[in-house]
Amino acid sequence: MKTILAITMLAMSAFIGTDSKSIHQFKVKTLEGQDFDFASLKGKKIMVVNTASKCGFTPQYKELEEVYEKYKDKNFTIIGFPCNDFASQEPGTSADIREFCTKNYGVTFPIMEKITIKDSPVYTWLKDKNLNGVEDSKVSWNFNKYLIDENGHLVKHVGSMVKPNDADIIKWIEGK
């Protein structure tokens, strides 16, 4: 089934002229219900993170915001995707999530609508080497990080235990 999906996406991308190995092909909704086109991020490095408000890793919001603030004007952004997939740790509505992130961590980086990992086209692409062209990965908990280059191509997957301000992530953002 994955092979059929990969072939279909490749054929469709050739027909419509998009790069199926790029995150720039996707459109999603923000937490506020606005359209968000990943193509608007061409030329920027991106960290995609699945988030949750009631997780042991939730304090990573602080580091995420610090990294975002430091590098947002240097062709870098963070995109958060709240999900309730792991131990029901993101039960809130969009309004609840926004209030929590703003009040507790001052989050200003873009946050998208709550998703389920298995049903998200973005996460299907991120996790499947046949689609992203780099690696297969598994999201087994909240605060997994996917690093995307300026052309929208996956660079690598980083697990929950690695903080957003990890030295290797900062080196990647800074191009070192």
Protein backbone atom coordinates (compact mmCIF):
# COMPACT_ATOMS: atom_id res chain seq x y z
CA MET A 1 0.00 0.00 0.00
CA LYS A 2 2.86 2.41 0.84
CA THR A 3 4.41 1.71 -2.57
CA ILE A 4 1.14 2.50 -4.35
CA LEU A 5 0.80 5.73 -2.36
CA ALA A 6 4.40 6.70 -3.15
CA ILE A 7 3.95 6.00 -6.88
CA THR A 8 0.68 7.95 -6.91
CA MET A 9 2.31 10.94 -5.19
CA LEU A 10 5.26 10.87 -7.60
CA ALA A 11 2.96 10.70 -10.61
CA MET A 12 0.79 13.52 -9.28
CA SER A 13 3.83 15.69 -8.54
CA ALA A 14 5.12 15.24 -12.09
CA PHE A 15 1.73 16.21 -13.43
CA ILE A 16 1.26 19.33 -11.29
CA GLY A 17 4.95 20.28 -11.18
CA THR A 18 5.56 20.01 -7.43
CA ASP A 19 8.36 18.24 -5.62
CA SER A 20 6.90 15.21 -3.84
CA LYS A 21 10.05 15.02 -1.73
CA SER A 22 9.32 18.49 -0.34
CA ILE A 23 7.16 19.55 2.59
CA HIS A 24 6.23 22.58 0.46
CA GLN A 25 3.53 20.49 -1.24
CA PHE A 26 1.31 20.56 1.88
CA LYS A 27 -1.43 22.91 3.04
CA VAL A 28 -2.87 22.71 6.53
CA LYS A 29 -4.96 24.80 8.92
CA THR A 30 -3.60 26.88 11.78
CA LEU A 31 -4.88 26.55 15.32
CA GLU A 32 -7.16 29.50 14.50
CA GLY A 33 -8.54 27.74 11.41
CA GLN A 34 -6.65 29.82 8.83
CA ASP A 35 -5.11 28.26 5.73
CA PHE A 36 -1.36 27.66 5.96
CA ASP A 37 0.70 26.74 2.91
CA PHE A 38 4.10 25.19 3.55
CA ALA A 39 5.19 26.64 0.19
CA SER A 40 5.29 30.01 1.98
CA LEU A 41 8.33 28.68 3.88
CA LYS A 42 10.54 28.16 0.83
CA GLY A 43 14.05 29.31 1.69
CA LYS A 44 13.63 28.63 5.44
CA LYS A 45 14.78 25.78 7.60
CA ILE A 46 11.85 24.26 9.49
CA MET A 47 11.52 22.26 12.68
CA VAL A 48 8.21 20.36 12.78
CA VAL A 49 7.21 19.22 16.29
CA ASN A 50 4.24 17.25 17.59
CA THR A 51 3.23 18.90 20.85
CA ALA A 52 1.03 18.26 23.89
CA SER A 53 0.07 20.34 26.93
CA LYS A 54 0.05 17.62 29.59
CA CYS A 55 3.24 15.73 28.82
CA GLY A 56 6.50 15.33 30.71
CA PHE A 57 8.15 16.95 27.68
CA THR A 58 5.76 19.95 27.67
CA PRO A 59 8.44 22.22 29.20
CA GLN A 60 10.18 21.91 25.81
CA TYR A 61 7.76 24.65 24.70
CA LYS A 62 10.09 27.04 26.55
CA GLU A 63 13.16 25.92 24.58
CA LEU A 64 11.17 25.82 21.34
CA GLU A 65 10.11 29.44 21.84
CA GLU A 66 13.66 30.51 22.75
CA VAL A 67 15.09 28.87 19.62
CA TYR A 68 12.29 30.37 17.51
CA GLU A 69 12.88 33.87 18.88
CA LYS A 70 16.61 33.66 18.32
CA TYR A 71 16.45 32.36 14.74
CA LYS A 72 13.07 33.41 13.30
CA ASP A 73 14.66 36.33 11.44
CA LYS A 74 17.45 34.08 10.12
CA ASN A 75 15.42 31.93 7.69
CA PHE A 76 14.20 29.48 10.33
CA THR A 77 10.81 28.62 11.78
CA ILE A 78 9.13 26.08 14.02
CA ILE A 79 5.76 24.55 13.21
CA GLY A 80 3.88 22.86 16.06
CA PHE A 81 1.27 20.16 15.54
CA PRO A 82 -0.66 19.42 18.75
CA CYS A 83 -1.81 15.82 18.99
CA ASN A 84 -3.67 13.75 21.55
CA ASP A 85 -2.26 10.43 20.34
CA PHE A 86 -0.08 9.59 23.35
CA ALA A 87 -1.78 9.01 26.72
CA SER A 88 -4.43 11.67 25.89
CA GLN A 89 -1.96 14.43 26.78
CA GLU A 90 -3.54 17.07 24.50
CA PRO A 91 -7.26 16.88 25.26
CA GLY A 92 -8.00 20.58 24.77
CA THR A 93 -9.75 22.51 22.04
CA SER A 94 -7.88 24.86 19.75
CA ALA A 95 -8.74 27.74 22.07
CA ASP A 96 -7.53 25.76 25.11
CA ILE A 97 -4.24 24.92 23.37
CA ARG A 98 -3.63 28.53 22.30
CA GLU A 99 -4.38 29.84 25.81
CA PHE A 100 -2.13 27.24 27.45
CA CYS A 101 0.83 27.86 25.10
CA THR A 102 0.56 31.63 25.32
CA LYS A 103 -0.08 31.91 29.06
CA ASN A 104 2.48 29.33 30.21
CA TYR A 105 5.25 29.59 27.62
CA GLY A 106 4.66 32.77 25.61
CA VAL A 107 4.58 30.72 22.40
CA THR A 108 4.62 32.82 19.23
CA PHE A 109 5.77 30.22 16.70
CA PRO A 110 3.04 28.90 14.35
CA ILE A 111 0.84 26.15 15.72
CA MET A 112 -1.45 24.17 13.46
CA GLU A 113 -4.74 22.44 14.17
CA LYS A 114 -4.65 19.39 16.39
CA ILE A 115 -3.95 16.24 14.39
CA THR A 116 -3.68 12.51 14.78
CA ILE A 117 -0.27 11.36 13.59
CA LYS A 118 -1.61 8.38 11.63
CA ASP A 119 -4.14 10.49 9.70
CA SER A 120 -1.96 13.51 8.97
CA PRO A 121 -0.67 13.77 5.37
CA VAL A 122 2.27 15.84 6.65
CA TYR A 123 3.25 13.19 9.18
CA THR A 124 2.67 10.37 6.69
CA TRP A 125 5.23 12.12 4.46
CA LEU A 126 7.62 12.82 7.35
CA LYS A 127 7.64 9.19 8.52
CA ASP A 128 7.88 7.35 5.18
CA LYS A 129 11.17 7.11 3.27
CA ASN A 130 9.27 6.25 0.08
CA LEU A 131 7.66 9.68 0.33
CA ASN A 132 10.32 11.89 1.95
CA GLY A 133 13.30 10.25 0.25
CA VAL A 134 15.48 10.23 3.39
CA GLU A 135 14.37 7.89 6.17
CA ASP A 136 11.59 5.93 7.78
CA SER A 137 10.79 7.01 11.31
CA LYS A 138 8.25 6.40 14.01
CA VAL A 139 6.61 9.00 16.22
CA SER A 140 6.30 7.12 19.49
CA TRP A 141 5.63 10.07 21.81
CA ASN A 142 5.13 13.83 21.96
CA PHE A 143 7.81 16.39 21.04
CA ASN A 144 9.46 14.49 18.20
CA LYS A 145 11.30 16.91 15.94
CA TYR A 146 11.70 16.79 12.17
CA LEU A 147 14.33 19.03 10.61
CA ILE A 148 13.58 20.29 7.10
CA ASP A 149 16.04 22.18 4.89
CA GLU A 150 15.45 25.40 2.93
CA ASN A 151 14.21 23.41 -0.09
CA GLY A 152 11.59 21.62 1.99
CA HIS A 153 13.49 18.34 2.12
CA LEU A 154 13.68 16.23 5.24
CA VAL A 155 17.13 16.28 6.85
CA LYS A 156 16.46 14.06 9.87
CA HIS A 157 14.16 12.98 12.67
CA VAL A 158 15.04 13.71 16.31
CA GLY A 159 13.30 11.99 19.21
CA SER A 160 11.49 13.46 22.19
CA MET A 161 14.43 13.18 24.58
CA VAL A 162 16.51 15.61 22.50
CA LYS A 163 15.76 19.18 23.49
CA PRO A 164 15.08 21.79 20.80
CA ASN A 165 18.19 23.73 21.83
CA ASP A 166 20.48 20.70 21.57
CA ALA A 167 23.94 21.68 20.26
CA ASP A 168 23.58 19.57 17.09
CA ILE A 169 20.22 21.17 16.26
CA ILE A 170 21.64 24.66 16.81
CA LYS A 171 24.63 23.82 14.58
CA TRP A 172 22.21 22.67 11.88
CA ILE A 173 20.12 25.86 12.17
CA GLU A 174 23.27 27.99 11.99
CA GLY A 175 24.64 25.98 9.06
CA LYS A 176 27.77 24.84 10.87
